[in-house]
Amino acid sequence: LEVTGSSGGGLVTVVLSGEKELKKLE
């Protein structure tokens, strides 16, 4: 499982694993 969180209208995006691990930061 991976979920994407974002803020600032997509200025910052994170991808978290189902195990709550940060997989990606844009």
mmCIF file of all heavy atoms, coordinates in Angstrom:
data_MODEL
# 
_entry.id   MODEL 
# 
loop_
_atom_site.group_PDB 
_atom_site.id 
_atom_site.type_symbol 
_atom_site.label_atom_id 
_atom_site.label_alt_id 
_atom_site.label_comp_id 
_atom_site.label_asym_id 
_atom_site.label_entity_id 
_atom_site.label_seq_id 
_atom_site.pdbx_PDB_ins_code 
_atom_site.Cartn_x 
_atom_site.Cartn_y 
_atom_site.Cartn_z 
_atom_site.occupancy 
_atom_site.B_iso_or_equiv 
_atom_site.pdbx_formal_charge 
_atom_site.auth_seq_id 
_atom_site.auth_comp_id 
_atom_site.auth_asym_id 
_atom_site.auth_atom_id 
_atom_site.pdbx_PDB_model_num 
ATOM 1   N N   . LEU A 1 1  ? 0.824  -1.201 0.000  1.00 0.00 ? 1  LEU A N   1 
ATOM 2   C CA  . LEU A 1 1  ? 0.000  0.000  0.000  1.00 0.00 ? 1  LEU A CA  1 
ATOM 3   C C   . LEU A 1 1  ? 0.860  1.254  0.000  1.00 0.00 ? 1  LEU A C   1 
ATOM 4   O O   . LEU A 1 1  ? 1.861  1.334  0.714  1.00 0.00 ? 1  LEU A O   1 
ATOM 5   C CB  . LEU A 1 1  ? -0.903 0.015  1.238  1.00 0.00 ? 1  LEU A CB  1 
ATOM 6   C CG  . LEU A 1 1  ? -1.752 1.271  1.449  1.00 0.00 ? 1  LEU A CG  1 
ATOM 7   C CD1 . LEU A 1 1  ? -2.837 1.360  0.385  1.00 0.00 ? 1  LEU A CD1 1 
ATOM 8   C CD2 . LEU A 1 1  ? -2.357 1.271  2.833  1.00 0.00 ? 1  LEU A CD2 1 
ATOM 9   N N   . GLU A 1 2  ? 0.490  2.204  -0.825 1.00 0.00 ? 2  GLU A N   1 
ATOM 10  C CA  . GLU A 1 2  ? 1.122  3.516  -0.818 1.00 0.00 ? 2  GLU A CA  1 
ATOM 11  C C   . GLU A 1 2  ? 0.023  4.563  -0.930 1.00 0.00 ? 2  GLU A C   1 
ATOM 12  O O   . GLU A 1 2  ? -0.916 4.408  -1.699 1.00 0.00 ? 2  GLU A O   1 
ATOM 13  C CB  . GLU A 1 2  ? 2.098  3.676  -1.983 1.00 0.00 ? 2  GLU A CB  1 
ATOM 14  C CG  . GLU A 1 2  ? 3.362  2.871  -1.832 1.00 0.00 ? 2  GLU A CG  1 
ATOM 15  C CD  . GLU A 1 2  ? 4.395  3.181  -2.904 1.00 0.00 ? 2  GLU A CD  1 
ATOM 16  O OE1 . GLU A 1 2  ? 4.079  3.837  -3.907 1.00 0.00 ? 2  GLU A OE1 1 
ATOM 17  O OE2 . GLU A 1 2  ? 5.532  2.749  -2.727 1.00 0.00 ? 2  GLU A OE2 1 
ATOM 18  N N   . VAL A 1 3  ? 0.134  5.604  -0.119 1.00 0.00 ? 3  VAL A N   1 
ATOM 19  C CA  . VAL A 1 3  ? -0.791 6.726  -0.205 1.00 0.00 ? 3  VAL A CA  1 
ATOM 20  C C   . VAL A 1 3  ? 0.009  7.991  -0.463 1.00 0.00 ? 3  VAL A C   1 
ATOM 21  O O   . VAL A 1 3  ? 1.174  8.100  -0.084 1.00 0.00 ? 3  VAL A O   1 
ATOM 22  C CB  . VAL A 1 3  ? -1.651 6.898  1.075  1.00 0.00 ? 3  VAL A CB  1 
ATOM 23  C CG1 . VAL A 1 3  ? -2.529 5.687  1.310  1.00 0.00 ? 3  VAL A CG1 1 
ATOM 24  C CG2 . VAL A 1 3  ? -0.803 7.188  2.286  1.00 0.00 ? 3  VAL A CG2 1 
ATOM 25  N N   . THR A 1 4  ? -0.635 8.937  -1.125 1.00 0.00 ? 4  THR A N   1 
ATOM 26  C CA  . THR A 1 4  ? 0.001  10.204 -1.441 1.00 0.00 ? 4  THR A CA  1 
ATOM 27  C C   . THR A 1 4  ? -0.677 11.308 -0.647 1.00 0.00 ? 4  THR A C   1 
ATOM 28  O O   . THR A 1 4  ? -1.902 11.411 -0.648 1.00 0.00 ? 4  THR A O   1 
ATOM 29  C CB  . THR A 1 4  ? -0.114 10.496 -2.949 1.00 0.00 ? 4  THR A CB  1 
ATOM 30  O OG1 . THR A 1 4  ? 0.502  9.437  -3.677 1.00 0.00 ? 4  THR A OG1 1 
ATOM 31  C CG2 . THR A 1 4  ? 0.575  11.810 -3.303 1.00 0.00 ? 4  THR A CG2 1 
ATOM 32  N N   . GLY A 1 5  ? 0.122  12.082 0.041  1.00 0.00 ? 5  GLY A N   1 
ATOM 33  C CA  . GLY A 1 5  ? -0.365 13.248 0.760  1.00 0.00 ? 5  GLY A CA  1 
ATOM 34  C C   . GLY A 1 5  ? 0.230  14.483 0.115  1.00 0.00 ? 5  GLY A C   1 
ATOM 35  O O   . GLY A 1 5  ? 1.335  14.437 -0.414 1.00 0.00 ? 5  GLY A O   1 
ATOM 36  N N   . SER A 1 6  ? -0.528 15.569 0.142  1.00 0.00 ? 6  SER A N   1 
ATOM 37  C CA  . SER A 1 6  ? 0.002  16.783 -0.462 1.00 0.00 ? 6  SER A CA  1 
ATOM 38  C C   . SER A 1 6  ? -0.475 18.009 0.305  1.00 0.00 ? 6  SER A C   1 
ATOM 39  O O   . SER A 1 6  ? -1.408 17.929 1.109  1.00 0.00 ? 6  SER A O   1 
ATOM 40  C CB  . SER A 1 6  ? -0.414 16.884 -1.927 1.00 0.00 ? 6  SER A CB  1 
ATOM 41  O OG  . SER A 1 6  ? -1.811 17.023 -2.031 1.00 0.00 ? 6  SER A OG  1 
ATOM 42  N N   . SER A 1 7  ? 0.174  19.124 0.029  1.00 0.00 ? 7  SER A N   1 
ATOM 43  C CA  . SER A 1 7  ? -0.204 20.400 0.646  1.00 0.00 ? 7  SER A CA  1 
ATOM 44  C C   . SER A 1 7  ? 0.158  21.517 -0.313 1.00 0.00 ? 7  SER A C   1 
ATOM 45  O O   . SER A 1 7  ? 0.922  21.316 -1.264 1.00 0.00 ? 7  SER A O   1 
ATOM 46  C CB  . SER A 1 7  ? 0.481  20.585 1.995  1.00 0.00 ? 7  SER A CB  1 
ATOM 47  O OG  . SER A 1 7  ? 1.874  20.721 1.833  1.00 0.00 ? 7  SER A OG  1 
ATOM 48  N N   . GLY A 1 8  ? -0.391 22.688 -0.013 1.00 0.00 ? 8  GLY A N   1 
ATOM 49  C CA  . GLY A 1 8  ? -0.080 23.847 -0.843 1.00 0.00 ? 8  GLY A CA  1 
ATOM 50  C C   . GLY A 1 8  ? -0.523 23.681 -2.281 1.00 0.00 ? 8  GLY A C   1 
ATOM 51  O O   . GLY A 1 8  ? 0.153  24.145 -3.194 1.00 0.00 ? 8  GLY A O   1 
ATOM 52  N N   . GLY A 1 9  ? -1.634 22.974 -2.476 1.00 0.00 ? 9  GLY A N   1 
ATOM 53  C CA  . GLY A 1 9  ? -2.111 22.769 -3.846 1.00 0.00 ? 9  GLY A CA  1 
ATOM 54  C C   . GLY A 1 9  ? -1.156 21.943 -4.686 1.00 0.00 ? 9  GLY A C   1 
ATOM 55  O O   . GLY A 1 9  ? -1.043 22.136 -5.890 1.00 0.00 ? 9  GLY A O   1 
ATOM 56  N N   . GLY A 1 10 ? -0.462 21.012 -4.031 1.00 0.00 ? 10 GLY A N   1 
ATOM 57  C CA  . GLY A 1 10 ? 0.467  20.139 -4.746 1.00 0.00 ? 10 GLY A CA  1 
ATOM 58  C C   . GLY A 1 10 ? 1.904  20.627 -4.770 1.00 0.00 ? 10 GLY A C   1 
ATOM 59  O O   . GLY A 1 10 ? 2.750  20.028 -5.429 1.00 0.00 ? 10 GLY A O   1 
ATOM 60  N N   . LEU A 1 11 ? 2.200  21.696 -4.035 1.00 0.00 ? 11 LEU A N   1 
ATOM 61  C CA  . LEU A 1 11 ? 3.581  22.182 -3.990 1.00 0.00 ? 11 LEU A CA  1 
ATOM 62  C C   . LEU A 1 11 ? 4.500  21.184 -3.293 1.00 0.00 ? 11 LEU A C   1 
ATOM 63  O O   . LEU A 1 11 ? 5.661  21.041 -3.661 1.00 0.00 ? 11 LEU A O   1 
ATOM 64  C CB  . LEU A 1 11 ? 3.655  23.538 -3.287 1.00 0.00 ? 11 LEU A CB  1 
ATOM 65  C CG  . LEU A 1 11 ? 3.040  24.725 -4.033 1.00 0.00 ? 11 LEU A CG  1 
ATOM 66  C CD1 . LEU A 1 11 ? 3.063  25.969 -3.162 1.00 0.00 ? 11 LEU A CD1 1 
ATOM 67  C CD2 . LEU A 1 11 ? 3.780  24.968 -5.344 1.00 0.00 ? 11 LEU A CD2 1 
ATOM 68  N N   . VAL A 1 12 ? 3.967  20.520 -2.265 1.00 0.00 ? 12 VAL A N   1 
ATOM 69  C CA  . VAL A 1 12 ? 4.722  19.483 -1.562 1.00 0.00 ? 12 VAL A CA  1 
ATOM 70  C C   . VAL A 1 12 ? 3.899  18.204 -1.600 1.00 0.00 ? 12 VAL A C   1 
ATOM 71  O O   . VAL A 1 12 ? 2.710  18.207 -1.287 1.00 0.00 ? 12 VAL A O   1 
ATOM 72  C CB  . VAL A 1 12 ? 5.023  19.884 -0.102 1.00 0.00 ? 12 VAL A CB  1 
ATOM 73  C CG1 . VAL A 1 12 ? 5.695  18.736 0.650  1.00 0.00 ? 12 VAL A CG1 1 
ATOM 74  C CG2 . VAL A 1 12 ? 5.906  21.119 -0.050 1.00 0.00 ? 12 VAL A CG2 1 
ATOM 75  N N   . THR A 1 13 ? 4.522  17.114 -2.016 1.00 0.00 ? 13 THR A N   1 
ATOM 76  C CA  . THR A 1 13 ? 3.859  15.818 -2.110 1.00 0.00 ? 13 THR A CA  1 
ATOM 77  C C   . THR A 1 13 ? 4.724  14.772 -1.422 1.00 0.00 ? 13 THR A C   1 
ATOM 78  O O   . THR A 1 13 ? 5.949  14.759 -1.596 1.00 0.00 ? 13 THR A O   1 
ATOM 79  C CB  . THR A 1 13 ? 3.662  15.425 -3.590 1.00 0.00 ? 13 THR A CB  1 
ATOM 80  O OG1 . THR A 1 13 ? 2.947  16.455 -4.248 1.00 0.00 ? 13 THR A OG1 1 
ATOM 81  C CG2 . THR A 1 13 ? 2.894  14.125 -3.717 1.00 0.00 ? 13 THR A CG2 1 
ATOM 82  N N   . VAL A 1 14 ? 4.073  13.911 -0.644 1.00 0.00 ? 14 VAL A N   1 
ATOM 83  C CA  . VAL A 1 14 ? 4.771  12.798 -0.007 1.00 0.00 ? 14 VAL A CA  1 
ATOM 84  C C   . VAL A 1 14 ? 4.073  11.502 -0.384 1.00 0.00 ? 14 VAL A C   1 
ATOM 85  O O   . VAL A 1 14 ? 2.870  11.479 -0.647 1.00 0.00 ? 14 VAL A O   1 
ATOM 86  C CB  . VAL A 1 14 ? 4.815  12.934 1.538  1.00 0.00 ? 14 VAL A CB  1 
ATOM 87  C CG1 . VAL A 1 14 ? 5.573  14.165 1.962  1.00 0.00 ? 14 VAL A CG1 1 
ATOM 88  C CG2 . VAL A 1 14 ? 3.427  12.921 2.142  1.00 0.00 ? 14 VAL A CG2 1 
ATOM 89  N N   . VAL A 1 15 ? 4.835  10.435 -0.418 1.00 0.00 ? 15 VAL A N   1 
ATOM 90  C CA  . VAL A 1 15 ? 4.281  9.099  -0.612 1.00 0.00 ? 15 VAL A CA  1 
ATOM 91  C C   . VAL A 1 15 ? 4.663  8.298  0.622  1.00 0.00 ? 15 VAL A C   1 
ATOM 92  O O   . VAL A 1 15 ? 5.847  8.221  0.982  1.00 0.00 ? 15 VAL A O   1 
ATOM 93  C CB  . VAL A 1 15 ? 4.818  8.423  -1.896 1.00 0.00 ? 15 VAL A CB  1 
ATOM 94  C CG1 . VAL A 1 15 ? 4.293  7.004  -2.020 1.00 0.00 ? 15 VAL A CG1 1 
ATOM 95  C CG2 . VAL A 1 15 ? 4.454  9.246  -3.128 1.00 0.00 ? 15 VAL A CG2 1 
ATOM 96  N N   . LEU A 1 16 ? 3.654  7.732  1.288  1.00 0.00 ? 16 LEU A N   1 
ATOM 97  C CA  . LEU A 1 16 ? 3.866  6.927  2.493  1.00 0.00 ? 16 LEU A CA  1 
ATOM 98  C C   . LEU A 1 16 ? 3.482  5.487  2.209  1.00 0.00 ? 16 LEU A C   1 
ATOM 99  O O   . LEU A 1 16 ? 2.509  5.223  1.505  1.00 0.00 ? 16 LEU A O   1 
ATOM 100 C CB  . LEU A 1 16 ? 3.000  7.451  3.646  1.00 0.00 ? 16 LEU A CB  1 
ATOM 101 C CG  . LEU A 1 16 ? 3.201  8.900  4.062  1.00 0.00 ? 16 LEU A CG  1 
ATOM 102 C CD1 . LEU A 1 16 ? 2.158  9.291  5.105  1.00 0.00 ? 16 LEU A CD1 1 
ATOM 103 C CD2 . LEU A 1 16 ? 4.592  9.102  4.616  1.00 0.00 ? 16 LEU A CD2 1 
ATOM 104 N N   . SER A 1 17 ? 4.225  4.566  2.792  1.00 0.00 ? 17 SER A N   1 
ATOM 105 C CA  . SER A 1 17 ? 3.868  3.156  2.692  1.00 0.00 ? 17 SER A CA  1 
ATOM 106 C C   . SER A 1 17 ? 2.782  2.848  3.713  1.00 0.00 ? 17 SER A C   1 
ATOM 107 O O   . SER A 1 17 ? 2.531  3.636  4.628  1.00 0.00 ? 17 SER A O   1 
ATOM 108 C CB  . SER A 1 17 ? 5.089  2.269  2.966  1.00 0.00 ? 17 SER A CB  1 
ATOM 109 O OG  . SER A 1 17 ? 5.390  2.265  4.350  1.00 0.00 ? 17 SER A OG  1 
ATOM 110 N N   . GLY A 1 18 ? 2.159  1.698  3.565  1.00 0.00 ? 18 GLY A N   1 
ATOM 111 C CA  . GLY A 1 18 ? 1.162  1.254  4.523  1.00 0.00 ? 18 GLY A CA  1 
ATOM 112 C C   . GLY A 1 18 ? 1.741  1.046  5.904  1.00 0.00 ? 18 GLY A C   1 
ATOM 113 O O   . GLY A 1 18 ? 1.017  0.961  6.886  1.00 0.00 ? 18 GLY A O   1 
ATOM 114 N N   . GLU A 1 19 ? 3.055  0.962  5.971  1.00 0.00 ? 19 GLU A N   1 
ATOM 115 C CA  . GLU A 1 19 ? 3.735  0.804  7.256  1.00 0.00 ? 19 GLU A CA  1 
ATOM 116 C C   . GLU A 1 19 ? 4.197  2.154  7.803  1.00 0.00 ? 19 GLU A C   1 
ATOM 117 O O   . GLU A 1 19 ? 5.050  2.223  8.671  1.00 0.00 ? 19 GLU A O   1 
ATOM 118 C CB  . GLU A 1 19 ? 4.909  -0.156 7.096  1.00 0.00 ? 19 GLU A CB  1 
ATOM 119 C CG  . GLU A 1 19 ? 4.421  -1.547 6.718  1.00 0.00 ? 19 GLU A CG  1 
ATOM 120 C CD  . GLU A 1 19 ? 5.556  -2.520 6.470  1.00 0.00 ? 19 GLU A CD  1 
ATOM 121 O OE1 . GLU A 1 19 ? 6.600  -2.125 5.923  1.00 0.00 ? 19 GLU A OE1 1 
ATOM 122 O OE2 . GLU A 1 19 ? 5.364  -3.685 6.824  1.00 0.00 ? 19 GLU A OE2 1 
ATOM 123 N N   . LYS A 1 20 ? 3.643  3.225  7.241  1.00 0.00 ? 20 LYS A N   1 
ATOM 124 C CA  . LYS A 1 20 ? 3.889  4.598  7.687  1.00 0.00 ? 20 LYS A CA  1 
ATOM 125 C C   . LYS A 1 20 ? 5.324  5.068  7.458  1.00 0.00 ? 20 LYS A C   1 
ATOM 126 O O   . LYS A 1 20 ? 5.840  5.928  8.159  1.00 0.00 ? 20 LYS A O   1 
ATOM 127 C CB  . LYS A 1 20 ? 3.485  4.769  9.151  1.00 0.00 ? 20 LYS A CB  1 
ATOM 128 C CG  . LYS A 1 20 ? 2.031  4.475  9.398  1.00 0.00 ? 20 LYS A CG  1 
ATOM 129 C CD  . LYS A 1 20 ? 1.689  4.541  10.863 1.00 0.00 ? 20 LYS A CD  1 
ATOM 130 C CE  . LYS A 1 20 ? 0.219  4.336  11.095 1.00 0.00 ? 20 LYS A CE  1 
ATOM 131 N NZ  . LYS A 1 20 ? -0.208 2.977  11.152 1.00 0.00 ? 20 LYS A NZ  1 
ATOM 132 N N   . GLU A 1 21 ? 5.954  4.511  6.450  1.00 0.00 ? 21 GLU A N   1 
ATOM 133 C CA  . GLU A 1 21 ? 7.323  4.891  6.107  1.00 0.00 ? 21 GLU A CA  1 
ATOM 134 C C   . GLU A 1 21 ? 7.287  5.893  4.951  1.00 0.00 ? 21 GLU A C   1 
ATOM 135 O O   . GLU A 1 21 ? 6.545  5.703  3.983  1.00 0.00 ? 21 GLU A O   1 
ATOM 136 C CB  . GLU A 1 21 ? 8.102  3.644  5.678  1.00 0.00 ? 21 GLU A CB  1 
ATOM 137 C CG  . GLU A 1 21 ? 9.510  3.914  5.218  1.00 0.00 ? 21 GLU A CG  1 
ATOM 138 C CD  . GLU A 1 21 ? 10.203 2.653  4.726  1.00 0.00 ? 21 GLU A CD  1 
ATOM 139 O OE1 . GLU A 1 21 ? 9.791  1.550  5.101  1.00 0.00 ? 21 GLU A OE1 1 
ATOM 140 O OE2 . GLU A 1 21 ? 11.155 2.794  3.942  1.00 0.00 ? 21 GLU A OE2 1 
ATOM 141 N N   . LEU A 1 22 ? 8.074  6.959  5.055  1.00 0.00 ? 22 LEU A N   1 
ATOM 142 C CA  . LEU A 1 22 ? 8.174  7.941  3.986  1.00 0.00 ? 22 LEU A CA  1 
ATOM 143 C C   . LEU A 1 22 ? 8.937  7.311  2.827  1.00 0.00 ? 22 LEU A C   1 
ATOM 144 O O   . LEU A 1 22 ? 10.093 6.928  2.968  1.00 0.00 ? 22 LEU A O   1 
ATOM 145 C CB  . LEU A 1 22 ? 8.887  9.205  4.479  1.00 0.00 ? 22 LEU A CB  1 
ATOM 146 C CG  . LEU A 1 22 ? 9.088  10.308 3.449  1.00 0.00 ? 22 LEU A CG  1 
ATOM 147 C CD1 . LEU A 1 22 ? 7.752  10.850 2.968  1.00 0.00 ? 22 LEU A CD1 1 
ATOM 148 C CD2 . LEU A 1 22 ? 9.944  11.418 4.028  1.00 0.00 ? 22 LEU A CD2 1 
ATOM 149 N N   . LYS A 1 23 ? 8.260  7.197  1.678  1.00 0.00 ? 23 LYS A N   1 
ATOM 150 C CA  . LYS A 1 23 ? 8.881  6.581  0.511  1.00 0.00 ? 23 LYS A CA  1 
ATOM 151 C C   . LYS A 1 23 ? 9.404  7.629  -0.469 1.00 0.00 ? 23 LYS A C   1 
ATOM 152 O O   . LYS A 1 23 ? 10.365 7.384  -1.185 1.00 0.00 ? 23 LYS A O   1 
ATOM 153 C CB  . LYS A 1 23 ? 7.874  5.683  -0.223 1.00 0.00 ? 23 LYS A CB  1 
ATOM 154 C CG  . LYS A 1 23 ? 7.315  4.553  0.618  1.00 0.00 ? 23 LYS A CG  1 
ATOM 155 C CD  . LYS A 1 23 ? 8.357  3.580  1.017  1.00 0.00 ? 23 LYS A CD  1 
ATOM 156 C CE  . LYS A 1 23 ? 8.309  2.359  0.155  1.00 0.00 ? 23 LYS A CE  1 
ATOM 157 N NZ  . LYS A 1 23 ? 9.330  1.401  0.423  1.00 0.00 ? 23 LYS A NZ  1 
ATOM 158 N N   . LYS A 1 24 ? 8.718  8.792  -0.509 1.00 0.00 ? 24 LYS A N   1 
ATOM 159 C CA  . LYS A 1 24 ? 9.091  9.799  -1.487 1.00 0.00 ? 24 LYS A CA  1 
ATOM 160 C C   . LYS A 1 24 ? 8.657  11.176 -0.992 1.00 0.00 ? 24 LYS A C   1 
ATOM 161 O O   . LYS A 1 24 ? 7.609  11.315 -0.372 1.00 0.00 ? 24 LYS A O   1 
ATOM 162 C CB  . LYS A 1 24 ? 8.398  9.484  -2.815 1.00 0.00 ? 24 LYS A CB  1 
ATOM 163 C CG  . LYS A 1 24 ? 8.821  10.313 -3.985 1.00 0.00 ? 24 LYS A CG  1 
ATOM 164 C CD  . LYS A 1 24 ? 8.132  9.792  -5.240 1.00 0.00 ? 24 LYS A CD  1 
ATOM 165 C CE  . LYS A 1 24 ? 8.641  10.513 -6.471 1.00 0.00 ? 24 LYS A CE  1 
ATOM 166 N NZ  . LYS A 1 24 ? 8.000  10.010 -7.689 1.00 0.00 ? 24 LYS A NZ  1 
ATOM 167 N N   . LEU A 1 25 ? 9.464  12.164 -1.271 1.00 0.00 ? 25 LEU A N   1 
ATOM 168 C CA  . LEU A 1 25 ? 9.155  13.558 -0.932 1.00 0.00 ? 25 LEU A CA  1 
ATOM 169 C C   . LEU A 1 25 ? 9.476  14.405 -2.151 1.00 0.00 ? 25 LEU A C   1 
ATOM 170 O O   . LEU A 1 25 ? 10.593 14.361 -2.660 1.00 0.00 ? 25 LEU A O   1 
ATOM 171 C CB  . LEU A 1 25 ? 9.990  14.018 0.266  1.00 0.00 ? 25 LEU A CB  1 
ATOM 172 C CG  . LEU A 1 25 ? 9.983  15.499 0.606  1.00 0.00 ? 25 LEU A CG  1 
ATOM 173 C CD1 . LEU A 1 25 ? 8.589  15.951 1.029  1.00 0.00 ? 25 LEU A CD1 1 
ATOM 174 C CD2 . LEU A 1 25 ? 10.990 15.801 1.694  1.00 0.00 ? 25 LEU A CD2 1 
ATOM 175 N N   . GLU A 1 26 ? 8.466  15.125 -2.648 1.00 0.00 ? 26 GLU A N   1 
ATOM 176 C CA  . GLU A 1 26 ? 8.669  16.015 -3.789 1.00 0.00 ? 26 GLU A CA  1 
ATOM 177 C C   . GLU A 1 26 ? 8.337  17.437 -3.367 1.00 0.00 ? 26 GLU A C   1 
ATOM 178 O O   . GLU A 1 26 ? 7.291  17.686 -2.771 1.00 0.00 ? 26 GLU A O   1 
ATOM 179 C CB  . GLU A 1 26 ? 7.766  15.619 -4.953 1.00 0.00 ? 26 GLU A CB  1 
ATOM 180 C CG  . GLU A 1 26 ? 8.169  14.337 -5.638 1.00 0.00 ? 26 GLU A CG  1 
ATOM 181 C CD  . GLU A 1 26 ? 7.315  14.042 -6.864 1.00 0.00 ? 26 GLU A CD  1 
ATOM 182 O OE1 . GLU A 1 26 ? 6.731  14.982 -7.441 1.00 0.00 ? 26 GLU A OE1 1 
ATOM 183 O OE2 . GLU A 1 26 ? 7.231  12.871 -7.226 1.00 0.00 ? 26 GLU A OE2 1 
# 
